[in-house]
Amino acid sequence: MIKTAYHYDDLMILPALEAHLNSRTDCIPHYASGQLPFFAAPMSTVVAEQNYQFFLEQGLNVCFPRYQNLPPNFFDLQKQYKGQLFLAMDLEEFNKEFLVLGKKLNRQHAILIDTANGHLQRVYELCLAAKKEYGEQMLLMAGNIGHPRTFERLAETGVDYLRLGIGGGRNCSTSSFTGVHYPLASLIIESRKLAQQLPKAPKIIADGGIGSYANAIMALACGADYVMMGSLINQALESAGQSYLFKQIPLSQNLAKLAFRLGLPLYKEYKALHSRPASAQQGLIGRRAVEGRRSLQKVQYQLPDFLFNLGSYLQSAMSYTGKIQLEDFIGQVELITDRR
C-alpha cells in the first residue's frame, strides 16, 4: 500500500472562527524562557567563528559546525547561552571523546551528533550510552531521521532533541540520488502524535526544506518545537558564506557590507556538507558519490531584519488562529489541504 504524505506547501493553516485578542502584537513568538524557536544549521557557509556570537546575540539558537577550529570563548558562551549553543560532532569523534576517553564534565555540555543517517544502530547505541553516562550534564541532539517510528525508538535513549528530515535541504541531493525521503509536514505531525504518548519525548527540530517564512511557520504549526534553517540564514549579509560581487568577484566582509548598502548585486556561497567542495575541505578529494551541491544565493537582508520579519509573520499566523502563546500554537492549529 502506498501511503499519502504531505509537504509544507501542501498544507494551509485554517483561521480560528474568532480570535480573542486585540492585534497580532498580543501574540508572543518565543518561548516563556525568551528562547526563539529557530536554529542556525551547522553548515560552514552559515555559521563560523566570526559570526556565531552575533547570531546568539540576535536570539538564534546555534549549532557550531564540525571540521572547524573551536573558538577560544566557545565554552564560555555555551555556559552563558545555556541550551542555545550546540557543538556538532561526527559519530566517531563523539564516541572517542566522551565514551572511550570518558571525558569528565564539570558543567552541562550541549552536543549534536551530526550524521545524515540517524537510523544507524550506532546512533542509538551512542545516544543510549551517553545519556546513561552523563544524564542531565549532557544536552544531546541527534538525527537526522525520516520515519516517525525511528523518532519513537530514539526517544528510548533519553536524547533531548531529534532532527527530522532527510533529503529536503535546498542543496541536498540525497533524495534525488537515492529516492529516500519522507515529506516533512507529515513526518512532523506523525512524530508529534507519538511524542504525546511518551512519558518523556525529545524536542522536535524540523530540518530541511525551509525555503520561505511560510515553511518555517508551517513546520511549527505541524508540531515542530524548533526549526533549523540553512538556506534562509545563508541569504543574510552576516552569514559565513564567501561573498561575491556579480557572482564572480570575491569580497571581504567589510567590502560586502559596503556593496550591500550601495544596492549592488551581492551573492553568498552556499554548500551542503556533502557537496564536492565541502568534501574536498574534509580531505575527501577523490570522492565522487556526493549528496550535495554548491550554489550562489543572492543576499536578501541583514539577519536582524530577517528575524524581525520572521517573528512578525509568526505573530500574524498566531493571531489568525487565536493563539497568544507560542506553546499553544505549536502542533495545535487546524490544517487543511486542497491536494487530491
Protein backbone atom coordinates (compact mmCIF):
# COMPACT_ATOMS: atom_id res chain seq x y z
CA MET A 1 0.00 0.00 0.00
CA ILE A 2 1.28 3.47 -0.88
CA LYS A 3 0.83 6.00 1.90
CA THR A 4 -0.18 9.63 1.33
CA ALA A 5 2.09 12.19 2.97
CA TYR A 6 2.34 15.97 2.80
CA HIS A 7 5.00 18.60 2.21
CA TYR A 8 4.77 22.05 3.81
CA ASP A 9 3.37 23.64 0.66
CA ASP A 10 0.56 21.06 0.51
CA LEU A 11 -0.97 22.43 3.71
CA MET A 12 -2.60 25.65 4.90
CA ILE A 13 -3.40 26.93 8.38
CA LEU A 14 -7.12 27.38 8.99
CA PRO A 15 -8.02 30.62 10.84
CA ALA A 16 -9.98 30.38 14.06
CA LEU A 17 -13.69 31.14 13.93
CA GLU A 18 -12.97 34.06 16.24
CA ALA A 19 -9.64 35.26 17.64
CA HIS A 20 -9.94 36.75 21.13
CA LEU A 21 -7.15 39.32 21.00
CA ASN A 22 -6.69 42.95 20.02
CA SER A 23 -3.90 42.68 17.46
CA ARG A 24 -1.06 40.40 16.41
CA THR A 25 1.26 42.25 18.79
CA ASP A 26 -0.57 40.45 21.62
CA CYS A 27 0.99 37.20 20.36
CA ILE A 28 4.34 36.10 21.77
CA PRO A 29 6.54 34.42 19.10
CA HIS A 30 9.01 32.91 21.53
CA TYR A 31 9.00 30.53 24.47
CA ALA A 32 8.27 31.67 28.01
CA SER A 33 12.03 31.49 28.62
CA GLY A 34 12.55 34.07 25.86
CA GLN A 35 14.12 31.49 23.53
CA LEU A 36 13.25 31.73 19.84
CA PRO A 37 12.11 28.51 18.09
CA PHE A 38 14.81 28.83 15.41
CA PHE A 39 18.22 27.19 14.91
CA ALA A 40 21.07 28.12 12.57
CA ALA A 41 22.17 24.95 10.77
CA PRO A 42 25.69 23.55 11.37
CA MET A 43 26.97 24.41 7.90
CA SER A 44 30.27 26.16 7.14
CA THR A 45 28.55 28.69 4.85
CA VAL A 46 26.04 29.55 7.57
CA VAL A 47 27.87 29.51 10.92
CA ALA A 48 31.55 30.17 11.65
CA GLU A 49 33.81 31.63 14.32
CA GLN A 50 33.32 35.20 13.09
CA ASN A 51 29.52 35.25 13.35
CA TYR A 52 28.25 32.66 15.83
CA GLN A 53 28.31 35.03 18.81
CA PHE A 54 26.40 37.65 16.80
CA PHE A 55 23.81 35.00 15.93
CA LEU A 56 23.37 34.18 19.61
CA GLU A 57 23.02 37.86 20.49
CA GLN A 58 20.20 38.13 17.93
CA GLY A 59 18.31 35.32 19.67
CA LEU A 60 19.13 32.47 17.28
CA ASN A 61 19.97 29.04 18.61
CA VAL A 62 23.21 27.86 17.00
CA CYS A 63 24.81 24.54 16.07
CA PHE A 64 28.52 25.14 15.52
CA PRO A 65 29.72 23.08 12.53
CA ARG A 66 32.22 20.25 12.66
CA TYR A 67 35.53 20.45 10.78
CA GLN A 68 36.13 23.98 12.10
CA ASN A 69 38.51 25.24 14.75
CA LEU A 70 36.70 25.81 18.02
CA PRO A 71 36.70 29.50 19.06
CA PRO A 72 38.52 30.17 22.36
CA ASN A 73 35.39 31.59 24.01
CA PHE A 74 33.08 28.80 22.84
CA PHE A 75 32.50 27.08 26.18
CA ASP A 76 32.09 30.40 27.99
CA LEU A 77 29.33 31.29 25.57
CA GLN A 78 27.82 27.81 25.83
CA LYS A 79 27.54 28.38 29.57
CA GLN A 80 26.11 31.89 29.08
CA TYR A 81 23.59 30.81 26.42
CA LYS A 82 22.52 27.62 28.13
CA GLY A 83 20.70 25.28 25.76
CA GLN A 84 21.17 27.62 22.80
CA LEU A 85 24.68 26.73 21.56
CA PHE A 86 25.46 23.18 20.42
CA LEU A 87 28.74 21.71 19.22
CA ALA A 88 28.39 19.39 16.21
CA MET A 89 30.49 16.21 16.21
CA ASP A 90 30.54 13.16 13.97
CA LEU A 91 29.83 9.69 15.36
CA GLU A 92 33.40 8.56 15.90
CA GLU A 93 34.61 11.89 17.25
CA PHE A 94 31.79 11.87 19.79
CA ASN A 95 32.43 8.24 20.73
CA LYS A 96 36.15 8.79 21.24
CA GLU A 97 35.92 11.97 23.29
CA PHE A 98 33.03 11.09 25.57
CA LEU A 99 32.73 7.31 25.72
CA VAL A 100 36.20 5.90 25.02
CA LEU A 101 38.21 8.58 26.84
CA GLY A 102 35.39 9.21 29.32
CA LYS A 103 35.65 13.00 29.39
CA LYS A 104 34.62 14.43 32.74
CA LEU A 105 32.07 17.24 32.65
CA ASN A 106 32.02 19.96 35.29
CA ARG A 107 29.05 21.68 33.66
CA GLN A 108 26.40 20.93 31.07
CA HIS A 109 27.62 20.34 27.51
CA ALA A 110 25.26 20.74 24.52
CA ILE A 111 26.29 18.31 21.77
CA LEU A 112 24.87 17.49 18.35
CA ILE A 113 25.71 14.05 16.96
CA ASP A 114 25.75 15.26 13.38
CA THR A 115 25.09 12.48 10.90
CA ALA A 116 22.93 12.36 7.79
CA ASN A 117 21.56 8.92 8.69
CA GLY A 118 20.13 8.85 12.18
CA HIS A 119 18.64 5.41 11.51
CA LEU A 120 22.01 3.73 12.09
CA GLN A 121 22.09 1.38 15.07
CA ARG A 122 25.32 3.13 16.05
CA VAL A 123 23.40 6.36 16.66
CA TYR A 124 21.00 4.58 19.01
CA GLU A 125 23.85 2.92 20.91
CA LEU A 126 25.87 6.11 21.36
CA CYS A 127 22.86 8.16 22.48
CA LEU A 128 21.89 5.47 24.98
CA ALA A 129 25.43 5.17 26.36
CA ALA A 130 25.97 8.93 26.56
CA LYS A 131 22.73 9.69 28.39
CA LYS A 132 23.39 6.81 30.77
CA GLU A 133 26.89 8.13 31.48
CA TYR A 134 26.20 11.87 31.65
CA GLY A 135 22.46 12.29 32.21
CA GLU A 136 21.46 15.95 32.55
CA GLN A 137 25.11 17.01 32.26
CA MET A 138 24.81 16.45 28.52
CA LEU A 139 22.14 18.12 26.42
CA LEU A 140 22.10 15.79 23.42
CA MET A 141 20.76 16.35 19.91
CA ALA A 142 20.73 13.62 17.24
CA GLY A 143 19.32 12.80 13.80
CA ASN A 144 18.61 13.12 11.01
CA ILE A 145 15.69 10.76 10.78
CA GLY A 146 12.96 10.16 8.21
CA HIS A 147 10.47 7.84 9.90
CA PRO A 148 8.08 8.52 12.82
CA ARG A 149 8.82 5.16 14.44
CA THR A 150 12.52 6.00 14.45
CA PHE A 151 11.60 9.06 16.50
CA GLU A 152 9.86 6.76 18.97
CA ARG A 153 12.82 4.36 19.00
CA LEU A 154 15.47 7.04 19.61
CA ALA A 155 13.31 8.62 22.31
CA GLU A 156 14.05 5.48 24.36
CA THR A 157 17.68 6.61 24.68
CA GLY A 158 16.78 9.79 26.56
CA VAL A 159 18.08 12.05 23.77
CA ASP A 160 16.87 15.63 24.25
CA TYR A 161 16.39 16.82 20.65
CA LEU A 162 15.85 14.98 17.36
CA ARG A 163 16.32 16.48 13.92
CA LEU A 164 13.63 15.36 11.48
CA GLY A 165 14.24 15.41 7.75
CA ILE A 166 16.19 13.51 5.10
CA GLY A 167 16.97 15.00 1.71
CA GLY A 168 14.84 18.11 1.97
CA GLY A 169 17.54 20.79 2.10
CA ARG A 170 17.96 23.29 -0.72
CA ASN A 171 21.37 21.97 -1.75
CA CYS A 172 20.92 18.40 -0.53
CA SER A 173 20.68 15.85 -3.36
CA THR A 174 20.18 12.74 -1.20
CA SER A 175 16.57 12.23 -2.28
CA SER A 176 17.22 12.87 -5.97
CA PHE A 177 20.06 10.33 -5.98
CA THR A 178 18.69 7.70 -3.58
CA GLY A 179 14.90 8.12 -3.67
CA VAL A 180 14.83 8.27 0.15
CA HIS A 181 12.56 10.92 1.68
CA TYR A 182 9.56 11.43 3.96
CA PRO A 183 7.58 14.64 3.33
CA LEU A 184 8.38 16.78 6.31
CA ALA A 185 4.94 18.09 7.20
CA SER A 186 3.61 14.55 7.66
CA LEU A 187 6.80 13.40 9.37
CA ILE A 188 6.47 16.14 11.98
CA ILE A 189 2.73 15.61 12.51
CA GLU A 190 3.12 11.86 12.99
CA SER A 191 6.17 12.20 15.23
CA ARG A 192 4.31 14.76 17.34
CA LYS A 193 1.45 12.30 17.86
CA LEU A 194 3.90 9.66 19.05
CA ALA A 195 5.67 12.18 21.30
CA GLN A 196 2.40 12.93 23.08
CA GLN A 197 2.14 9.26 24.06
CA LEU A 198 5.63 9.10 25.57
CA PRO A 199 6.45 9.83 29.23
CA LYS A 200 9.44 11.92 28.10
CA ALA A 201 9.85 12.90 24.46
CA PRO A 202 12.68 14.67 22.65
CA LYS A 203 12.08 18.13 21.24
CA ILE A 204 11.32 18.01 17.51
CA ILE A 205 13.57 20.02 15.20
CA ALA A 206 12.38 20.45 11.61
CA ASP A 207 15.49 20.32 9.46
CA GLY A 208 15.48 20.79 5.69
CA GLY A 209 13.07 22.18 3.15
CA ILE A 210 12.60 25.52 4.90
CA GLY A 211 12.64 27.75 1.83
CA SER A 212 10.35 30.56 2.99
CA TYR A 213 8.88 32.29 6.02
CA ALA A 214 5.69 30.29 5.48
CA ASN A 215 7.58 26.97 5.54
CA ALA A 216 9.13 27.85 8.91
CA ILE A 217 5.75 28.78 10.36
CA MET A 218 4.10 25.69 8.89
CA ALA A 219 6.75 23.47 10.50
CA LEU A 220 5.79 24.92 13.89
CA ALA A 221 2.09 24.57 13.10
CA CYS A 222 2.66 20.89 12.28
CA GLY A 223 4.26 20.34 15.67
CA ALA A 224 7.99 21.10 15.46
CA ASP A 225 9.38 22.66 18.62
CA TYR A 226 12.19 24.28 16.64
CA VAL A 227 13.01 24.99 13.01
CA MET A 228 16.57 24.64 11.71
CA MET A 229 17.46 26.90 8.80
CA GLY A 230 20.41 26.90 6.43
CA SER A 231 19.45 28.47 3.11
CA LEU A 232 17.41 31.32 4.59
CA ILE A 233 20.17 32.33 7.00
CA ASN A 234 22.82 31.98 4.30
CA GLN A 235 20.97 34.73 2.41
CA ALA A 236 21.70 37.14 5.28
CA LEU A 237 24.62 39.54 4.91
CA GLU A 238 26.17 38.22 8.13
CA SER A 239 26.20 34.54 7.14
CA ALA A 240 29.52 32.68 6.90
CA GLY A 241 29.40 32.09 3.14
CA GLN A 242 32.03 33.76 0.98
CA SER A 243 30.60 36.95 -0.54
CA TYR A 244 30.78 37.59 -4.29
CA LEU A 245 30.01 40.70 -6.30
CA PHE A 246 28.29 39.92 -9.63
CA LYS A 247 28.71 36.20 -8.75
CA GLN A 248 32.40 36.44 -9.67
CA ILE A 249 34.41 38.89 -7.56
CA PRO A 250 35.18 37.65 -4.01
CA LEU A 251 34.79 40.34 -1.35
CA SER A 252 35.89 40.68 2.25
CA GLN A 253 33.10 41.04 4.79
CA ASN A 254 33.69 44.79 5.11
CA LEU A 255 33.50 45.30 1.35
CA ALA A 256 30.43 43.05 1.23
CA LYS A 257 28.71 45.33 3.75
CA LEU A 258 29.52 48.34 1.59
CA ALA A 259 28.26 46.62 -1.57
CA PHE A 260 25.02 45.69 0.20
CA ARG A 261 24.47 49.27 1.39
CA LEU A 262 25.00 50.50 -2.17
CA GLY A 263 22.45 48.02 -3.52
CA LEU A 264 24.98 46.15 -5.68
CA PRO A 265 24.26 42.51 -6.68
CA LEU A 266 25.85 40.58 -3.82
CA TYR A 267 25.85 36.78 -3.54
CA LYS A 268 26.83 34.22 -0.89
CA GLU A 269 28.36 30.83 -1.44
CA TYR A 270 26.11 28.09 -0.07
CA LYS A 271 27.22 24.48 0.03
CA ALA A 272 25.90 21.31 1.61
CA LEU A 273 28.12 19.34 3.98
CA HIS A 274 28.47 16.54 1.44
CA SER A 275 28.92 18.72 -1.65
CA ARG A 276 32.08 18.25 -3.69
CA PRO A 277 33.78 21.46 -2.40
CA ALA A 278 32.90 20.63 1.21
CA SER A 279 34.16 17.06 0.78
CA ALA A 280 37.44 18.41 -0.59
CA GLN A 281 37.79 20.63 2.51
CA GLN A 282 37.44 17.49 4.63
CA GLY A 283 40.24 15.76 2.70
CA LEU A 284 37.92 13.57 0.63
CA ILE A 285 39.41 14.71 -2.67
CA GLY A 286 38.59 11.63 -4.73
CA ARG A 287 35.05 11.23 -3.52
CA ARG A 288 32.51 11.01 -6.35
CA ALA A 289 29.22 9.89 -4.83
CA VAL A 290 28.46 13.25 -3.24
CA GLU A 291 24.96 14.03 -1.96
CA GLY A 292 25.06 17.81 -2.00
CA ARG A 293 25.57 20.83 -4.20
CA ARG A 294 27.28 24.22 -4.15
CA SER A 295 25.41 27.31 -5.29
CA LEU A 296 25.42 31.09 -5.03
CA GLN A 297 22.46 32.79 -3.36
CA LYS A 298 21.64 36.46 -3.57
CA VAL A 299 21.98 38.36 -0.30
CA GLN A 300 18.43 39.41 0.57
CA TYR A 301 18.64 41.01 4.02
CA GLN A 302 20.57 41.57 7.21
CA LEU A 303 19.99 38.98 9.91
CA PRO A 304 18.18 41.26 12.42
CA ASP A 305 15.73 42.29 9.68
CA PHE A 306 15.16 38.66 8.68
CA LEU A 307 14.46 37.62 12.27
CA PHE A 308 12.18 40.62 12.82
CA ASN A 309 10.16 39.73 9.73
CA LEU A 310 10.01 36.05 10.66
CA GLY A 311 8.83 36.91 14.17
CA SER A 312 6.22 39.32 12.79
CA TYR A 313 4.86 36.77 10.31
CA LEU A 314 4.72 34.17 13.09
CA GLN A 315 2.79 36.64 15.25
CA SER A 316 0.38 37.20 12.38
CA ALA A 317 -0.21 33.46 11.92
CA MET A 318 -0.76 33.10 15.66
CA SER A 319 -3.25 35.97 15.65
CA TYR A 320 -5.31 34.39 12.86
CA THR A 321 -5.56 31.19 14.90
CA GLY A 322 -6.23 32.97 18.18
CA LYS A 323 -3.06 31.66 19.83
CA ILE A 324 -1.32 34.12 22.14
CA GLN A 325 1.41 31.82 23.47
CA LEU A 326 3.84 30.04 21.14
CA GLU A 327 3.37 26.83 23.12
CA ASP A 328 -0.35 26.93 22.27
CA PHE A 329 0.34 27.40 18.55
CA ILE A 330 2.84 24.57 18.03
CA GLY A 331 1.00 21.48 16.79
CA GLN A 332 -2.34 22.81 17.99
CA VAL A 333 -3.85 24.54 14.97
CA GLU A 334 -6.15 23.14 12.33
CA LEU A 335 -4.57 22.36 8.96
CA ILE A 336 -6.29 21.86 5.62
CA THR A 337 -5.22 20.84 2.12
CA ASP A 338 -6.61 21.21 -1.39
CA ARG A 339 -4.37 18.45 -2.71
CA ARG A 340 -6.22 15.48 -4.16
